[in-house]
Amino acid sequence: MLENDLHASEEEEDFYEHYRIVADRGQSLMRLDQYLKHHIANATRTKIQNAIETESVKVNDKVVKSSYKVKPFDVITVSMPYPPRETDIVPEDIPLNIVYEDEEVMVLNKPAGMVVHPAYGHWSGTVVNALVYHFQHLPTHRNGEIRPGLVHRIDKDTSGLLVIAKTEFGMAFLAKQFFDHSIERTYYALVWGSPKNPQGTITGHIGRSIRDRKVMAVYADGSQGKHAVTHYETLESFGNVSLIKCNLETGRTHQIRAHLQYLGHPLFSDAVYGGDKILRGPASGSYKAFVENCFTLMPRQALHAKSIGFVHPRTKQWMQFESALPEDFEGVLAKWRSYAER
């Protein structure tokens, strides 16, 4: 019996899938890696063995080896990278801001406006197109077998850090950390207003809005969507807007954008979640001109993936990376600081 109960979604969703398999009553003894090869479609033995080695496979809630013999009624849980969907991706010579790179992983600083993965309406000019070009010159790229391993992504108009796996083992190892919520991810967001509590935790299931399928909604009662947790802290308050630091415990589609809107503080200039209108202060006069000038300077949601931390797949050392706020974000912050001082 197989239950594929967790699928990768789009934008900011972490890239892994989760299986729960219960061995049949009449199951004969069989090596775990061979058993999974027969029960998970399109999974190579190498991918399965990597998942077992990185402790992404458990039998009856215990970590086991590939040689474990599966027996009747064993409950096997598997979390590993989602199957790549990168067929016919055209390599493109697009400059990448590479913060760090070794044989296993790469950390990128993505600019706002760049799509991470090809999809409808964005088949070229993406991070993946650029990575395929970058990786094709590596000795490990044989007949297109090695592809950039996405274990998470960020929205097109969100800037900041992305970690990329360069090997199947690295992908399985990083995906396990995302699945276990042990990855450190900090975002800076400029929001409308000032949260009543300067710091706190937003908990609420996130799922597609019933009214608009392109927008994510928060379901506090857990009736729909997936469990999502965002920790936040107010760094600066400028009266009508505030600079917020957010730490993701989970990685759901539009998690920060939806959670902060639910809290009553949409991201500044976020057209999808209502932040592209004047939500605090007078909607006329010099203040209106000032805010519209800020919108022009930053015509996208004010969200930046500031830092990321993870355990390296091979060295097992903690790796921590920070990125500066991009020019548009810094420019808008400077304007609000100056306005608040006046």
C-alpha atoms as a PDB file:
ATOM      1  CA  MET A   1       0.000   0.000   0.000  1.00  0.00           C
ATOM      2  CA  LEU A   2       1.504   3.327  -1.081  1.00  0.00           C
ATOM      3  CA  GLU A   3       0.457   6.818  -0.055  1.00  0.00           C
ATOM      4  CA  ASN A   4       2.165   9.701  -1.859  1.00  0.00           C
ATOM      5  CA  ASP A   5       0.996  12.314   0.652  1.00  0.00           C
ATOM      6  CA  LEU A   6       3.292  15.275   0.155  1.00  0.00           C
ATOM      7  CA  HIS A   7       4.022  16.897  -3.198  1.00  0.00           C
ATOM      8  CA  ALA A   8       6.222  19.793  -4.182  1.00  0.00           C
ATOM      9  CA  SER A   9       4.264  22.894  -5.036  1.00  0.00           C
ATOM     10  CA  GLU A  10       5.366  26.178  -6.539  1.00  0.00           C
ATOM     11  CA  GLU A  11       7.230  29.256  -5.321  1.00  0.00           C
ATOM     12  CA  GLU A  12       8.856  29.014  -1.895  1.00  0.00           C
ATOM     13  CA  GLU A  13       7.573  25.470  -1.395  1.00  0.00           C
ATOM     14  CA  ASP A  14      10.319  23.059  -0.331  1.00  0.00           C
ATOM     15  CA  PHE A  15      11.127  20.396  -2.902  1.00  0.00           C
ATOM     16  CA  TYR A  16      10.674  16.938  -1.483  1.00  0.00           C
ATOM     17  CA  GLU A  17       8.078  14.204  -1.633  1.00  0.00           C
ATOM     18  CA  HIS A  18       7.019  11.906   1.149  1.00  0.00           C
ATOM     19  CA  TYR A  19       5.910   8.295   0.919  1.00  0.00           C
ATOM     20  CA  ARG A  20       4.392   6.015   3.505  1.00  0.00           C
ATOM     21  CA  ILE A  21       4.461   2.374   2.465  1.00  0.00           C
ATOM     22  CA  VAL A  22       3.018  -0.510   4.460  1.00  0.00           C
ATOM     23  CA  ALA A  23       4.394  -3.924   3.467  1.00  0.00           C
ATOM     24  CA  ASP A  24       1.724  -6.464   2.521  1.00  0.00           C
ATOM     25  CA  ARG A  25       0.727  -9.416   4.714  1.00  0.00           C
ATOM     26  CA  GLY A  26       2.420 -11.868   2.378  1.00  0.00           C
ATOM     27  CA  GLN A  27       5.637  -9.890   1.817  1.00  0.00           C
ATOM     28  CA  SER A  28       8.719 -12.137   1.588  1.00  0.00           C
ATOM     29  CA  LEU A  29      12.009 -10.916   3.052  1.00  0.00           C
ATOM     30  CA  MET A  30      13.653  -8.426   0.636  1.00  0.00           C
ATOM     31  CA  ARG A  31      16.451  -5.889   0.888  1.00  0.00           C
ATOM     32  CA  LEU A  32      15.084  -2.418   1.623  1.00  0.00           C
ATOM     33  CA  ASP A  33      16.703  -0.727  -1.409  1.00  0.00           C
ATOM     34  CA  GLN A  34      15.362  -3.426  -3.751  1.00  0.00           C
ATOM     35  CA  TYR A  35      11.911  -3.220  -2.170  1.00  0.00           C
ATOM     36  CA  LEU A  36      11.723   0.558  -2.612  1.00  0.00           C
ATOM     37  CA  LYS A  37      12.963   0.311  -6.208  1.00  0.00           C
ATOM     38  CA  HIS A  38       9.846  -1.768  -6.949  1.00  0.00           C
ATOM     39  CA  HIS A  39       7.477   0.488  -5.022  1.00  0.00           C
ATOM     40  CA  ILE A  40       8.507   4.039  -5.987  1.00  0.00           C
ATOM     41  CA  ALA A  41       8.043   4.964  -9.628  1.00  0.00           C
ATOM     42  CA  ASN A  42      11.000   6.511 -11.504  1.00  0.00           C
ATOM     43  CA  ALA A  43      13.335   6.245  -8.508  1.00  0.00           C
ATOM     44  CA  THR A  44      16.793   4.904  -9.347  1.00  0.00           C
ATOM     45  CA  ARG A  45      18.607   2.592  -6.968  1.00  0.00           C
ATOM     46  CA  THR A  46      21.253   5.298  -6.475  1.00  0.00           C
ATOM     47  CA  LYS A  47      18.616   7.822  -5.455  1.00  0.00           C
ATOM     48  CA  ILE A  48      17.076   5.329  -3.032  1.00  0.00           C
ATOM     49  CA  GLN A  49      20.445   4.416  -1.506  1.00  0.00           C
ATOM     50  CA  ASN A  50      21.270   8.114  -1.070  1.00  0.00           C
ATOM     51  CA  ALA A  51      17.951   8.601   0.715  1.00  0.00           C
ATOM     52  CA  ILE A  52      18.722   5.672   3.040  1.00  0.00           C
ATOM     53  CA  GLU A  53      22.284   6.898   3.677  1.00  0.00           C
ATOM     54  CA  THR A  54      21.062  10.392   4.588  1.00  0.00           C
ATOM     55  CA  GLU A  55      18.533   8.857   7.022  1.00  0.00           C
ATOM     56  CA  SER A  56      15.615   9.984   4.872  1.00  0.00           C
ATOM     57  CA  VAL A  57      14.169   6.462   5.047  1.00  0.00           C
ATOM     58  CA  LYS A  58      12.818   4.938   8.247  1.00  0.00           C
ATOM     59  CA  VAL A  59      11.261   1.556   8.958  1.00  0.00           C
ATOM     60  CA  ASN A  60       8.859   1.525  11.888  1.00  0.00           C
ATOM     61  CA  ASP A  61      10.220   4.975  12.839  1.00  0.00           C
ATOM     62  CA  LYS A  62      13.824   3.715  13.010  1.00  0.00           C
ATOM     63  CA  VAL A  63      16.797   4.507  10.774  1.00  0.00           C
ATOM     64  CA  VAL A  64      18.029   1.378   8.979  1.00  0.00           C
ATOM     65  CA  LYS A  65      20.566   0.358   6.315  1.00  0.00           C
ATOM     66  CA  SER A  66      20.000  -0.604   2.675  1.00  0.00           C
ATOM     67  CA  SER A  67      20.545  -4.252   3.615  1.00  0.00           C
ATOM     68  CA  TYR A  68      17.582  -4.272   6.038  1.00  0.00           C
ATOM     69  CA  LYS A  69      15.140  -7.046   5.132  1.00  0.00           C
ATOM     70  CA  VAL A  70      11.587  -5.796   4.708  1.00  0.00           C
ATOM     71  CA  LYS A  71       8.997  -8.077   6.332  1.00  0.00           C
ATOM     72  CA  PRO A  72       5.172  -8.138   6.457  1.00  0.00           C
ATOM     73  CA  PHE A  73       3.465  -5.059   7.926  1.00  0.00           C
ATOM     74  CA  ASP A  74       6.656  -2.989   8.104  1.00  0.00           C
ATOM     75  CA  VAL A  75       5.813   0.742   7.874  1.00  0.00           C
ATOM     76  CA  ILE A  76       8.342   2.519   5.653  1.00  0.00           C
ATOM     77  CA  THR A  77       8.492   6.315   5.401  1.00  0.00           C
ATOM     78  CA  VAL A  78      10.550   8.039   2.717  1.00  0.00           C
ATOM     79  CA  SER A  79      11.358  11.727   2.155  1.00  0.00           C
ATOM     80  CA  MET A  80      13.579  12.583  -0.774  1.00  0.00           C
ATOM     81  CA  PRO A  81      13.970  15.182  -3.536  1.00  0.00           C
ATOM     82  CA  TYR A  82      11.053  15.505  -5.908  1.00  0.00           C
ATOM     83  CA  PRO A  83      11.708  13.964  -9.345  1.00  0.00           C
ATOM     84  CA  PRO A  84      13.322  16.564 -11.645  1.00  0.00           C
ATOM     85  CA  ARG A  85      11.148  17.985 -14.415  1.00  0.00           C
ATOM     86  CA  GLU A  86      13.902  19.459 -16.509  1.00  0.00           C
ATOM     87  CA  THR A  87      13.469  17.738 -19.859  1.00  0.00           C
ATOM     88  CA  ASP A  88      14.265  19.939 -22.845  1.00  0.00           C
ATOM     89  CA  ILE A  89      15.530  22.805 -20.708  1.00  0.00           C
ATOM     90  CA  VAL A  90      17.714  24.982 -22.903  1.00  0.00           C
ATOM     91  CA  PRO A  91      21.072  25.974 -21.359  1.00  0.00           C
ATOM     92  CA  GLU A  92      21.373  29.776 -21.319  1.00  0.00           C
ATOM     93  CA  ASP A  93      24.469  31.855 -20.639  1.00  0.00           C
ATOM     94  CA  ILE A  94      22.883  34.034 -17.943  1.00  0.00           C
ATOM     95  CA  PRO A  95      25.150  35.646 -15.324  1.00  0.00           C
ATOM     96  CA  LEU A  96      24.687  34.217 -11.842  1.00  0.00           C
ATOM     97  CA  ASN A  97      25.658  35.855  -8.560  1.00  0.00           C
ATOM     98  CA  ILE A  98      27.383  32.828  -7.009  1.00  0.00           C
ATOM     99  CA  VAL A  99      28.010  33.393  -3.297  1.00  0.00           C
ATOM    100  CA  TYR A 100      29.593  29.961  -2.708  1.00  0.00           C
ATOM    101  CA  GLU A 101      30.295  26.817  -4.717  1.00  0.00           C
ATOM    102  CA  ASP A 102      32.038  23.478  -4.193  1.00  0.00           C
ATOM    103  CA  GLU A 103      31.604  19.952  -5.563  1.00  0.00           C
ATOM    104  CA  GLU A 104      28.368  19.349  -3.650  1.00  0.00           C
ATOM    105  CA  VAL A 105      26.492  22.627  -3.282  1.00  0.00           C
ATOM    106  CA  MET A 106      26.096  26.117  -4.650  1.00  0.00           C
ATOM    107  CA  VAL A 107      24.583  29.184  -2.987  1.00  0.00           C
ATOM    108  CA  LEU A 108      23.148  31.887  -5.252  1.00  0.00           C
ATOM    109  CA  ASN A 109      21.947  35.423  -4.606  1.00  0.00           C
ATOM    110  CA  LYS A 110      18.903  35.687  -6.906  1.00  0.00           C
ATOM    111  CA  PRO A 111      17.825  39.110  -8.153  1.00  0.00           C
ATOM    112  CA  ALA A 112      14.181  40.153  -8.038  1.00  0.00           C
ATOM    113  CA  GLY A 113      12.388  39.546 -11.331  1.00  0.00           C
ATOM    114  CA  MET A 114      14.115  36.244 -12.120  1.00  0.00           C
ATOM    115  CA  VAL A 115      12.035  33.054 -12.118  1.00  0.00           C
ATOM    116  CA  VAL A 116      13.691  30.063 -10.470  1.00  0.00           C
ATOM    117  CA  HIS A 117      12.184  27.152 -12.410  1.00  0.00           C
ATOM    118  CA  PRO A 118      10.730  27.048 -15.956  1.00  0.00           C
ATOM    119  CA  ALA A 119       6.944  26.996 -15.969  1.00  0.00           C
ATOM    120  CA  TYR A 120       4.027  28.201 -18.070  1.00  0.00           C
ATOM    121  CA  GLY A 121       4.844  31.684 -19.352  1.00  0.00           C
ATOM    122  CA  HIS A 122       8.472  31.465 -18.203  1.00  0.00           C
ATOM    123  CA  TRP A 123      10.262  28.805 -20.260  1.00  0.00           C
ATOM    124  CA  SER A 124      13.520  30.735 -20.559  1.00  0.00           C
ATOM    125  CA  GLY A 125      15.632  33.183 -18.607  1.00  0.00           C
ATOM    126  CA  THR A 126      15.223  31.220 -15.379  1.00  0.00           C
ATOM    127  CA  VAL A 127      17.748  30.247 -12.720  1.00  0.00           C
ATOM    128  CA  VAL A 128      17.536  26.628 -13.885  1.00  0.00           C
ATOM    129  CA  ASN A 129      18.313  27.599 -17.504  1.00  0.00           C
ATOM    130  CA  ALA A 130      21.398  29.416 -16.224  1.00  0.00           C
ATOM    131  CA  LEU A 131      22.421  26.516 -13.962  1.00  0.00           C
ATOM    132  CA  VAL A 132      22.141  23.941 -16.741  1.00  0.00           C
ATOM    133  CA  TYR A 133      24.527  26.084 -18.813  1.00  0.00           C
ATOM    134  CA  HIS A 134      26.880  26.477 -15.835  1.00  0.00           C
ATOM    135  CA  PHE A 135      26.844  22.758 -14.978  1.00  0.00           C
ATOM    136  CA  GLN A 136      27.334  21.460 -18.524  1.00  0.00           C
ATOM    137  CA  HIS A 137      30.973  22.508 -18.358  1.00  0.00           C
ATOM    138  CA  LEU A 138      31.658  20.482 -15.232  1.00  0.00           C
ATOM    139  CA  PRO A 139      33.378  17.053 -15.405  1.00  0.00           C
ATOM    140  CA  THR A 140      30.399  15.583 -13.522  1.00  0.00           C
ATOM    141  CA  HIS A 141      27.950  16.513 -16.283  1.00  0.00           C
ATOM    142  CA  ARG A 142      27.698  13.359 -18.420  1.00  0.00           C
ATOM    143  CA  ASN A 143      25.146  13.209 -21.219  1.00  0.00           C
ATOM    144  CA  GLY A 144      22.830  15.547 -19.346  1.00  0.00           C
ATOM    145  CA  GLU A 145      22.591  13.195 -16.348  1.00  0.00           C
ATOM    146  CA  ILE A 146      23.619  15.766 -13.752  1.00  0.00           C
ATOM    147  CA  ARG A 147      21.083  18.523 -13.344  1.00  0.00           C
ATOM    148  CA  PRO A 148      20.835  21.361 -10.842  1.00  0.00           C
ATOM    149  CA  GLY A 149      19.055  20.086  -7.759  1.00  0.00           C
ATOM    150  CA  LEU A 150      16.406  22.449  -6.480  1.00  0.00           C
ATOM    151  CA  VAL A 151      15.359  21.704  -2.919  1.00  0.00           C
ATOM    152  CA  HIS A 152      13.500  25.008  -2.478  1.00  0.00           C
ATOM    153  CA  ARG A 153      12.827  28.197  -4.406  1.00  0.00           C
ATOM    154  CA  ILE A 154      11.707  31.760  -3.889  1.00  0.00           C
ATOM    155  CA  ASP A 155       9.188  33.868  -5.764  1.00  0.00           C
ATOM    156  CA  LYS A 156      10.062  35.631  -8.995  1.00  0.00           C
ATOM    157  CA  ASP A 157       9.881  39.066  -7.357  1.00  0.00           C
ATOM    158  CA  THR A 158      11.566  38.050  -4.107  1.00  0.00           C
ATOM    159  CA  SER A 159      15.327  38.566  -4.005  1.00  0.00           C
ATOM    160  CA  GLY A 160      17.939  36.670  -2.027  1.00  0.00           C
ATOM    161  CA  LEU A 161      19.672  33.416  -1.269  1.00  0.00           C
ATOM    162  CA  LEU A 162      19.036  29.997  -2.798  1.00  0.00           C
ATOM    163  CA  VAL A 163      20.928  26.779  -2.062  1.00  0.00           C
ATOM    164  CA  ILE A 164      21.399  24.367  -4.980  1.00  0.00           C
ATOM    165  CA  ALA A 165      22.517  20.725  -4.809  1.00  0.00           C
ATOM    166  CA  LYS A 166      25.035  19.588  -7.430  1.00  0.00           C
ATOM    167  CA  THR A 167      24.896  15.839  -6.770  1.00  0.00           C
ATOM    168  CA  GLU A 168      22.123  13.351  -6.022  1.00  0.00           C
ATOM    169  CA  PHE A 169      23.600  12.727  -2.584  1.00  0.00           C
ATOM    170  CA  GLY A 170      23.732  16.444  -1.872  1.00  0.00           C
ATOM    171  CA  MET A 171      20.150  16.837  -3.003  1.00  0.00           C
ATOM    172  CA  ALA A 172      18.928  14.013  -0.751  1.00  0.00           C
ATOM    173  CA  PHE A 173      20.924  15.364   2.213  1.00  0.00           C
ATOM    174  CA  LEU A 174      19.647  18.940   1.838  1.00  0.00           C
ATOM    175  CA  ALA A 175      16.072  17.826   1.153  1.00  0.00           C
ATOM    176  CA  LYS A 176      16.120  15.891   4.439  1.00  0.00           C
ATOM    177  CA  GLN A 177      17.102  19.083   6.290  1.00  0.00           C
ATOM    178  CA  PHE A 178      14.255  21.014   4.668  1.00  0.00           C
ATOM    179  CA  PHE A 179      11.889  18.179   5.556  1.00  0.00           C
ATOM    180  CA  ASP A 180      13.097  18.215   9.176  1.00  0.00           C
ATOM    181  CA  HIS A 181      12.870  22.060   9.340  1.00  0.00           C
ATOM    182  CA  SER A 182      16.527  22.250  10.392  1.00  0.00           C
ATOM    183  CA  ILE A 183      17.476  24.700   7.616  1.00  0.00           C
ATOM    184  CA  GLU A 184      17.884  28.291   8.857  1.00  0.00           C
ATOM    185  CA  ARG A 185      16.110  30.812   6.621  1.00  0.00           C
ATOM    186  CA  THR A 186      15.834  34.496   7.479  1.00  0.00           C
ATOM    187  CA  TYR A 187      13.917  37.018   5.368  1.00  0.00           C
ATOM    188  CA  TYR A 188      13.658  40.794   5.672  1.00  0.00           C
ATOM    189  CA  ALA A 189      10.259  42.260   4.869  1.00  0.00           C
ATOM    190  CA  LEU A 190       8.926  45.808   4.793  1.00  0.00           C
ATOM    191  CA  VAL A 191       5.289  45.735   5.893  1.00  0.00           C
ATOM    192  CA  TRP A 192       2.444  48.171   6.305  1.00  0.00           C
ATOM    193  CA  GLY A 193       1.922  49.280   9.906  1.00  0.00           C
ATOM    194  CA  SER A 194       3.579  47.967  13.070  1.00  0.00           C
ATOM    195  CA  PRO A 195       2.620  44.623  14.610  1.00  0.00           C
ATOM    196  CA  LYS A 196       0.973  45.017  18.030  1.00  0.00           C
ATOM    197  CA  ASN A 197       3.462  42.502  19.425  1.00  0.00           C
ATOM    198  CA  PRO A 198       7.001  43.454  18.325  1.00  0.00           C
ATOM    199  CA  GLN A 199       7.858  39.767  17.983  1.00  0.00           C
ATOM    200  CA  GLY A 200       5.881  36.579  17.818  1.00  0.00           C
ATOM    201  CA  THR A 201       4.936  33.469  15.881  1.00  0.00           C
ATOM    202  CA  ILE A 202       2.299  33.173  13.179  1.00  0.00           C
ATOM    203  CA  THR A 203       0.766  29.696  12.921  1.00  0.00           C
ATOM    204  CA  GLY A 204      -1.904  28.906  10.374  1.00  0.00           C
ATOM    205  CA  HIS A 205      -2.442  26.388   7.597  1.00  0.00           C
ATOM    206  CA  ILE A 206      -1.762  27.801   4.130  1.00  0.00           C
ATOM    207  CA  GLY A 207      -3.661  26.678   1.052  1.00  0.00           C
ATOM    208  CA  ARG A 208      -5.164  27.956  -2.173  1.00  0.00           C
ATOM    209  CA  SER A 209      -7.779  30.652  -1.728  1.00  0.00           C
ATOM    210  CA  ILE A 210     -11.299  29.530  -2.572  1.00  0.00           C
ATOM    211  CA  ARG A 211     -11.945  32.901  -4.239  1.00  0.00           C
ATOM    212  CA  ASP A 212      -8.717  33.152  -6.227  1.00  0.00           C
ATOM    213  CA  ARG A 213      -6.549  30.096  -6.979  1.00  0.00           C
ATOM    214  CA  LYS A 214      -3.503  32.298  -7.647  1.00  0.00           C
ATOM    215  CA  VAL A 215      -3.525  33.566  -4.072  1.00  0.00           C
ATOM    216  CA  MET A 216      -2.730  31.648  -0.904  1.00  0.00           C
ATOM    217  CA  ALA A 217      -5.008  31.959   2.113  1.00  0.00           C
ATOM    218  CA  VAL A 218      -4.480  31.211   5.805  1.00  0.00           C
ATOM    219  CA  TYR A 219      -6.862  28.739   7.440  1.00  0.00           C
ATOM    220  CA  ALA A 220      -6.432  29.204  11.180  1.00  0.00           C
ATOM    221  CA  ASP A 221      -8.652  26.239  12.044  1.00  0.00           C
ATOM    222  CA  GLY A 222      -6.514  23.876   9.959  1.00  0.00           C
ATOM    223  CA  SER A 223      -9.491  22.878   7.829  1.00  0.00           C
ATOM    224  CA  GLN A 224      -7.505  23.293   4.613  1.00  0.00           C
ATOM    225  CA  GLY A 225      -3.949  23.719   3.377  1.00  0.00           C
ATOM    226  CA  LYS A 226      -0.682  22.715   5.036  1.00  0.00           C
ATOM    227  CA  HIS A 227       0.715  23.476   8.474  1.00  0.00           C
ATOM    228  CA  ALA A 228       2.866  26.625   8.356  1.00  0.00           C
ATOM    229  CA  VAL A 229       4.869  28.484  11.005  1.00  0.00           C
ATOM    230  CA  THR A 230       6.605  31.871  10.672  1.00  0.00           C
ATOM    231  CA  HIS A 231       8.552  33.549  13.481  1.00  0.00           C
ATOM    232  CA  TYR A 232       8.881  37.329  13.199  1.00  0.00           C
ATOM    233  CA  GLU A 233      10.621  40.229  14.934  1.00  0.00           C
ATOM    234  CA  THR A 234      10.228  43.964  14.337  1.00  0.00           C
ATOM    235  CA  LEU A 235      13.641  45.493  13.592  1.00  0.00           C
ATOM    236  CA  GLU A 236      12.600  49.103  12.856  1.00  0.00           C
ATOM    237  CA  SER A 237       9.316  50.970  12.908  1.00  0.00           C
ATOM    238  CA  PHE A 238       8.765  54.055  10.763  1.00  0.00           C
ATOM    239  CA  GLY A 239       5.207  54.692  11.895  1.00  0.00           C
ATOM    240  CA  ASN A 240       3.256  53.695   8.815  1.00  0.00           C
ATOM    241  CA  VAL A 241       5.596  50.884   7.780  1.00  0.00           C
ATOM    242  CA  SER A 242       7.993  48.573   9.628  1.00  0.00           C
ATOM    243  CA  LEU A 243      11.033  46.454   8.809  1.00  0.00           C
ATOM    244  CA  ILE A 244      10.372  42.877   9.940  1.00  0.00           C
ATOM    245  CA  LYS A 245      12.715  39.891  10.235  1.00  0.00           C
ATOM    246  CA  CYS A 246      11.046  36.555   9.498  1.00  0.00           C
ATOM    247  CA  ASN A 247      12.370  33.073  10.175  1.00  0.00           C
ATOM    248  CA  LEU A 248      10.695  30.215   8.366  1.00  0.00           C
ATOM    249  CA  GLU A 249      10.025  27.024  10.281  1.00  0.00           C
ATOM    250  CA  THR A 250       8.150  25.564   7.315  1.00  0.00           C
ATOM    251  CA  GLY A 251       8.358  26.427   3.632  1.00  0.00           C
ATOM    252  CA  ARG A 252       4.944  26.889   2.034  1.00  0.00           C
ATOM    253  CA  THR A 253       3.955  28.720  -1.105  1.00  0.00           C
ATOM    254  CA  HIS A 254       3.881  32.503  -0.410  1.00  0.00           C
ATOM    255  CA  GLN A 255       4.194  31.702   3.315  1.00  0.00           C
ATOM    256  CA  ILE A 256       5.526  35.045   4.549  1.00  0.00           C
ATOM    257  CA  ARG A 257       3.305  37.065   2.219  1.00  0.00           C
ATOM    258  CA  ALA A 258       0.151  35.195   3.269  1.00  0.00           C
ATOM    259  CA  HIS A 259       1.003  35.052   6.977  1.00  0.00           C
ATOM    260  CA  LEU A 260       1.777  38.771   7.260  1.00  0.00           C
ATOM    261  CA  GLN A 261      -1.385  39.694   5.393  1.00  0.00           C
ATOM    262  CA  TYR A 262      -3.292  37.436   7.812  1.00  0.00           C
ATOM    263  CA  LEU A 263      -1.619  39.309  10.695  1.00  0.00           C
ATOM    264  CA  GLY A 264      -2.930  42.547   9.195  1.00  0.00           C
ATOM    265  CA  HIS A 265       0.392  43.789   7.845  1.00  0.00           C
ATOM    266  CA  PRO A 266       0.738  43.047   4.091  1.00  0.00           C
ATOM    267  CA  LEU A 267       4.128  43.433   2.466  1.00  0.00           C
ATOM    268  CA  PHE A 268       4.817  46.904   1.101  1.00  0.00           C
ATOM    269  CA  SER A 269       4.236  47.055  -2.696  1.00  0.00           C
ATOM    270  CA  ASP A 270       2.846  43.493  -2.850  1.00  0.00           C
ATOM    271  CA  ALA A 271       0.173  43.729  -5.542  1.00  0.00           C
ATOM    272  CA  VAL A 272      -1.045  40.146  -5.026  1.00  0.00           C
ATOM    273  CA  TYR A 273      -1.756  40.564  -1.311  1.00  0.00           C
ATOM    274  CA  GLY A 274      -3.001  44.167  -1.302  1.00  0.00           C
ATOM    275  CA  GLY A 275       0.187  45.951  -0.301  1.00  0.00           C
ATOM    276  CA  ASP A 276       0.401  48.111  -3.436  1.00  0.00           C
ATOM    277  CA  LYS A 277      -2.104  50.622  -2.008  1.00  0.00           C
ATOM    278  CA  ILE A 278      -1.749  53.169   0.797  1.00  0.00           C
ATOM    279  CA  LEU A 279      -2.878  51.192   3.842  1.00  0.00           C
ATOM    280  CA  ARG A 280      -1.579  53.574   6.543  1.00  0.00           C
ATOM    281  CA  GLY A 281      -1.604  57.379   6.492  1.00  0.00           C
ATOM    282  CA  PRO A 282      -3.549  59.839   4.292  1.00  0.00           C
ATOM    283  CA  ALA A 283      -4.294  58.811   0.724  1.00  0.00           C
ATOM    284  CA  SER A 284      -3.703  62.309  -0.628  1.00  0.00           C
ATOM    285  CA  GLY A 285      -1.309  65.236  -0.681  1.00  0.00           C
ATOM    286  CA  SER A 286       2.457  65.079  -0.294  1.00  0.00           C
ATOM    287  CA  TYR A 287       2.269  61.780   1.613  1.00  0.00           C
ATOM    288  CA  LYS A 288       0.516  60.118  -1.320  1.00  0.00           C
ATOM    289  CA  ALA A 289       3.199  61.430  -3.695  1.00  0.00           C
ATOM    290  CA  PHE A 290       5.904  60.127  -1.344  1.00  0.00           C
ATOM    291  CA  VAL A 291       4.414  56.609  -1.166  1.00  0.00           C
ATOM    292  CA  GLU A 292       3.850  56.449  -4.921  1.00  0.00           C
ATOM    293  CA  ASN A 293       7.479  57.427  -5.402  1.00  0.00           C
ATOM    294  CA  CYS A 294       8.442  54.488  -3.157  1.00  0.00           C
ATOM    295  CA  PHE A 295       6.225  52.156  -5.205  1.00  0.00           C
ATOM    296  CA  THR A 296       7.991  53.342  -8.358  1.00  0.00           C
ATOM    297  CA  LEU A 297      11.390  52.714  -6.797  1.00  0.00           C
ATOM    298  CA  MET A 298      10.372  49.215  -5.661  1.00  0.00           C
ATOM    299  CA  PRO A 299       7.585  47.904  -7.908  1.00  0.00           C
ATOM    300  CA  ARG A 300       7.592  44.448  -6.309  1.00  0.00           C
ATOM    301  CA  GLN A 301       6.955  42.975  -2.872  1.00  0.00           C
ATOM    302  CA  ALA A 302       9.478  44.163  -0.293  1.00  0.00           C
ATOM    303  CA  LEU A 303      10.840  40.733   0.591  1.00  0.00           C
ATOM    304  CA  HIS A 304      14.456  39.550   0.605  1.00  0.00           C
ATOM    305  CA  ALA A 305      15.920  36.149   1.563  1.00  0.00           C
ATOM    306  CA  LYS A 306      18.631  37.575   3.805  1.00  0.00           C
ATOM    307  CA  SER A 307      20.383  34.481   5.154  1.00  0.00           C
ATOM    308  CA  ILE A 308      20.462  30.701   4.900  1.00  0.00           C
ATOM    309  CA  GLY A 309      22.204  28.086   7.003  1.00  0.00           C
ATOM    310  CA  PHE A 310      22.538  24.317   6.602  1.00  0.00           C
ATOM    311  CA  VAL A 311      24.760  21.330   7.348  1.00  0.00           C
ATOM    312  CA  HIS A 312      27.087  20.567   4.423  1.00  0.00           C
ATOM    313  CA  PRO A 313      26.353  17.155   2.826  1.00  0.00           C
ATOM    314  CA  ARG A 314      29.967  15.928   2.909  1.00  0.00           C
ATOM    315  CA  THR A 315      31.833  17.828   5.628  1.00  0.00           C
ATOM    316  CA  LYS A 316      28.832  17.810   8.004  1.00  0.00           C
ATOM    317  CA  GLN A 317      29.891  21.346   9.018  1.00  0.00           C
ATOM    318  CA  TRP A 318      27.351  24.122   9.527  1.00  0.00           C
ATOM    319  CA  MET A 319      27.405  26.605   6.624  1.00  0.00           C
ATOM    320  CA  GLN A 320      25.925  30.091   7.090  1.00  0.00           C
ATOM    321  CA  PHE A 321      25.505  32.713   4.354  1.00  0.00           C
ATOM    322  CA  GLU A 322      24.312  36.317   4.479  1.00  0.00           C
ATOM    323  CA  SER A 323      23.318  38.699   1.680  1.00  0.00           C
ATOM    324  CA  ALA A 324      22.997  42.465   1.548  1.00  0.00           C
ATOM    325  CA  LEU A 325      19.653  44.058   0.797  1.00  0.00           C
ATOM    326  CA  PRO A 326      19.354  44.921  -2.916  1.00  0.00           C
ATOM    327  CA  GLU A 327      19.490  48.507  -4.119  1.00  0.00           C
ATOM    328  CA  ASP A 328      15.710  48.976  -4.482  1.00  0.00           C
ATOM    329  CA  PHE A 329      15.035  47.671  -0.963  1.00  0.00           C
ATOM    330  CA  GLU A 330      17.792  49.819   0.573  1.00  0.00           C
ATOM    331  CA  GLY A 331      16.521  52.858  -1.359  1.00  0.00           C
ATOM    332  CA  VAL A 332      12.967  52.511  -0.056  1.00  0.00           C
ATOM    333  CA  LEU A 333      14.218  51.945   3.506  1.00  0.00           C
ATOM    334  CA  ALA A 334      16.311  55.123   3.291  1.00  0.00           C
ATOM    335  CA  LYS A 335      13.267  57.093   2.133  1.00  0.00           C
ATOM    336  CA  TRP A 336      11.094  55.836   4.993  1.00  0.00           C
ATOM    337  CA  ARG A 337      13.824  56.498   7.569  1.00  0.00           C
ATOM    338  CA  SER A 338      14.182  60.048   6.289  1.00  0.00           C
ATOM    339  CA  TYR A 339      10.402  60.529   6.271  1.00  0.00           C
ATOM    340  CA  ALA A 340      10.068  59.199   9.829  1.00  0.00           C
ATOM    341  CA  GLU A 341      12.786  61.565  11.059  1.00  0.00           C
ATOM    342  CA  ARG A 342      10.931  64.518   9.554  1.00  0.00           C
END
